[in-house]
Protein backbone atom coordinates (compact mmCIF):
# COMPACT_ATOMS: atom_id res chain seq x y z
CA UNK A 1 43.97 33.87 28.85
CA UNK A 2 44.00 37.06 26.82
CA UNK A 3 43.81 36.37 23.11
CA UNK A 4 41.79 38.11 20.45
CA UNK A 5 39.48 35.73 18.59
CA UNK A 6 37.59 37.01 15.58
CA UNK A 7 36.18 36.23 12.19
CA UNK A 8 38.84 37.66 9.88
CA UNK A 9 40.33 37.58 6.42
CA UNK A 10 43.72 38.76 5.16
CA UNK A 11 42.32 42.31 4.98
CA UNK A 12 39.40 42.58 7.40
CA UNK A 13 38.13 41.82 10.90
CA UNK A 14 34.44 41.41 11.76
CA UNK A 15 33.13 43.08 14.89
CA UNK A 16 29.60 43.17 16.26
CA UNK A 17 27.33 45.89 17.57
CA UNK A 18 23.60 46.12 18.31
CA UNK A 19 21.44 49.18 17.74
CA UNK A 20 17.88 50.39 17.64
CA UNK A 21 16.42 49.56 14.19
CA UNK A 22 16.45 53.29 13.33
CA UNK A 23 20.27 53.17 13.40
CA UNK A 24 20.93 49.53 12.54
CA UNK A 25 18.58 49.28 9.55
CA UNK A 26 20.01 52.26 7.63
CA UNK A 27 23.58 51.23 8.56
CA UNK A 28 23.10 47.76 7.06
CA UNK A 29 21.28 49.14 4.02
CA UNK A 30 23.81 51.89 3.23
CA UNK A 31 27.03 50.29 4.52
CA UNK A 32 27.70 53.26 6.81
CA UNK A 33 26.22 54.72 9.95
CA UNK A 34 23.41 57.24 9.45
CA UNK A 35 23.53 60.85 10.66
CA UNK A 36 21.57 59.80 13.77
CA UNK A 37 24.56 57.69 14.92
CA UNK A 38 26.19 59.61 17.77
CA UNK A 39 29.83 60.31 16.95
CA UNK A 40 30.42 62.13 20.21
CA UNK A 41 29.95 59.11 22.47
CA UNK A 42 32.02 55.99 22.93
CA UNK A 43 30.99 53.06 20.74
CA UNK A 44 31.95 49.54 21.78
CA UNK A 45 32.85 46.92 19.17
CA UNK A 46 33.08 43.23 19.94
CA UNK A 47 34.85 40.59 17.82
CA UNK A 48 32.90 37.83 19.62
CA UNK A 49 29.44 36.98 18.24
CA UNK A 50 28.41 35.17 21.44
CA UNK A 51 29.60 37.99 23.67
CA UNK A 52 27.48 40.33 21.56
CA UNK A 53 24.53 37.97 22.02
CA UNK A 54 25.11 38.11 25.79
CA UNK A 55 25.22 41.91 25.68
CA UNK A 56 22.12 42.39 23.49
CA UNK A 57 20.11 39.37 24.66
CA UNK A 58 20.05 37.81 21.18
CA UNK A 59 18.82 41.16 19.81
CA UNK A 60 15.82 41.18 22.14
CA UNK A 61 16.92 43.93 24.55
CA UNK A 62 15.26 47.29 24.12
CA UNK A 63 17.30 49.58 21.88
CA UNK A 64 19.43 46.67 20.64
CA UNK A 65 17.04 44.96 18.24
CA UNK A 66 19.29 45.12 15.18
CA UNK A 67 22.52 43.15 15.43
CA UNK A 68 25.21 44.22 12.99
CA UNK A 69 28.32 42.44 11.76
CA UNK A 70 30.66 45.29 10.82
CA UNK A 71 33.60 44.30 8.65
CA UNK A 72 36.48 46.70 9.20
CA UNK A 73 39.99 46.94 7.83
CA UNK A 74 42.72 45.13 9.71
CA UNK A 75 44.77 48.33 9.53
CA UNK A 76 42.02 50.19 11.37
CA UNK A 77 41.68 47.48 13.99
CA UNK A 78 45.46 47.50 14.53
CA UNK A 79 45.41 51.31 14.86
CA UNK A 80 42.70 51.08 17.52
CA UNK A 81 44.67 48.52 19.53
CA UNK A 82 47.91 50.51 19.26
CA UNK A 83 46.12 53.67 20.41
CA UNK A 84 44.17 52.13 23.26
CA UNK A 85 44.57 51.69 26.97
CA UNK A 86 42.87 49.51 29.52
CA UNK A 87 39.51 50.79 30.71
CA UNK A 88 40.55 50.25 34.32
CA UNK A 89 43.61 50.67 36.52
CA UNK A 90 45.90 47.64 36.97
CA UNK A 91 48.72 48.12 39.50
CA UNK A 92 51.03 45.64 37.72
CA UNK A 93 50.77 47.57 34.45
CA UNK A 94 50.44 51.19 35.52
CA UNK A 95 52.96 53.12 37.57
CA UNK A 96 50.11 54.85 39.44
CA UNK A 97 46.42 55.63 39.20
CA UNK A 98 47.33 59.16 38.12
CA UNK A 99 49.49 57.78 35.28
CA UNK A 100 46.64 55.49 34.18
CA UNK A 101 44.20 58.44 34.21
CA UNK A 102 46.58 60.47 32.02
CA UNK A 103 46.82 57.56 29.58
CA UNK A 104 43.03 57.20 29.61
CA UNK A 105 42.59 60.89 28.72
CA UNK A 106 45.09 60.63 25.84
CA UNK A 107 43.81 57.38 24.37
CA UNK A 108 40.98 57.44 21.82
CA UNK A 109 40.28 53.73 22.42
CA UNK A 110 39.66 51.55 25.48
CA UNK A 111 40.19 47.82 25.97
CA UNK A 112 38.15 45.69 28.28
CA UNK A 113 38.43 41.91 28.72
CA UNK A 114 35.24 40.14 29.77
CA UNK A 115 34.51 36.42 30.14
CA UNK A 116 33.72 34.85 26.77
CA UNK A 117 30.26 33.27 26.55
CA UNK A 118 28.95 29.85 25.61
CA UNK A 119 25.78 29.07 23.65
CA UNK A 120 23.64 29.53 26.77
CA UNK A 121 25.49 32.81 27.39
CA UNK A 122 27.19 31.47 30.50
CA UNK A 123 30.76 32.62 31.21
CA UNK A 124 33.71 30.63 29.89
CA UNK A 125 37.15 30.50 31.59
CA UNK A 126 38.80 32.76 29.05
CA UNK A 127 38.39 36.39 28.10
CA UNK A 128 36.91 38.19 25.11
CA UNK A 129 38.01 41.61 23.85
CA UNK A 130 35.69 44.61 23.94
CA UNK A 131 37.08 47.70 22.22
CA UNK A 132 35.65 51.13 23.00
CA UNK A 133 36.16 53.86 20.40
CA UNK A 134 35.80 57.57 21.08
CA UNK A 135 36.85 60.82 19.44
CA UNK A 136 39.36 60.22 16.66
CA UNK A 137 38.94 56.43 16.89
CA UNK A 138 35.14 56.61 16.49
CA UNK A 139 35.50 58.99 13.53
CA UNK A 140 38.06 56.74 11.83
CA UNK A 141 35.85 53.71 12.48
CA UNK A 142 32.80 55.33 10.89
CA UNK A 143 34.55 57.15 8.04
CA UNK A 144 37.60 55.06 7.09
CA UNK A 145 37.64 51.51 8.47
CA UNK A 146 34.24 50.11 7.51
CA UNK A 147 34.34 47.75 4.55
CA UNK A 148 30.79 46.45 4.94
CA UNK A 149 27.88 46.17 7.37
CA UNK A 150 25.51 43.21 7.50
CA UNK A 151 22.32 42.84 9.54
CA UNK A 152 22.80 39.50 11.32
CA UNK A 153 19.66 39.77 13.45
CA UNK A 154 18.06 36.83 11.58
CA UNK A 155 21.13 34.71 12.39
CA UNK A 156 20.98 35.74 16.05
CA UNK A 157 17.30 34.78 16.27
CA UNK A 158 17.87 31.46 14.45
CA UNK A 159 20.76 30.46 16.71
CA UNK A 160 18.76 31.52 19.78
CA UNK A 161 15.78 29.43 18.63
CA UNK A 162 17.98 26.37 18.20
CA UNK A 163 19.56 26.88 21.63
CA UNK A 164 16.12 27.16 23.22
CA UNK A 165 15.03 23.99 21.43
CA UNK A 166 18.03 22.14 22.83
CA UNK A 167 19.66 21.75 19.42
CA UNK A 168 23.16 22.82 20.44
CA UNK A 169 24.99 21.09 17.58
CA UNK A 170 22.78 22.81 14.97
CA UNK A 171 23.21 26.16 16.75
CA UNK A 172 26.99 25.75 16.93
CA UNK A 173 27.14 24.94 13.21
CA UNK A 174 25.64 28.36 12.43
CA UNK A 175 28.07 30.40 14.53
CA UNK A 176 30.61 32.57 12.70
CA UNK A 177 34.06 30.97 12.73
CA UNK A 178 36.20 32.98 15.14
CA UNK A 179 39.88 32.10 15.00
CA UNK A 180 42.80 33.49 16.99
CA UNK A 181 43.66 36.89 15.57
CA UNK A 182 47.35 37.85 15.36
CA UNK A 183 48.20 40.77 17.61
CA UNK A 184 51.81 41.73 18.31
CA UNK A 185 52.95 40.67 21.79
CA UNK A 186 54.15 44.18 22.62
CA UNK A 187 50.67 45.55 21.89
CA UNK A 188 48.88 42.89 23.96
CA UNK A 189 51.40 43.09 26.82
CA UNK A 190 50.18 46.55 27.81
CA UNK A 191 46.53 45.62 27.38
CA UNK A 192 46.34 42.51 29.56
CA UNK A 193 44.78 42.96 32.95
């Protein structure tokens, strides 16, 4: 099943990223990415807290020790989805590999669907959105869409500690509430694999 789930309000969507403390610390403190943040490379945002925990190992992987919750405008998130393409070729959706490659070159954002994760970071039978931003999309993300940045590393470590202690109910109670996020069917139709 391909559905976007996220923590969201009427105006914002929360996505997660993990960085080295030299990037993550200043970003959380200042509410924007520091000059050291590389604008010229693709940055991947994830609306799923647990998928981010899978990716960064609860903030324990080298170079990913600061976990950020980045609140962005819904308008920005919608722009990224409208201007994205799948990160891989799907014969049912693309007329040819050449056509997909052309779309990939034109699109400033990429969509990837990976198995959602449970508390023990095992795969679940449904997919979670990963959204890669490059070029114009990365610039808009950094300069226009960000409403706030919060360091949620302490939350990641607390949830991880509870999971390790076998206290699943307590760990679950701390997770951000991620509800289905409304995305127009015509947008999702071209982004399902």
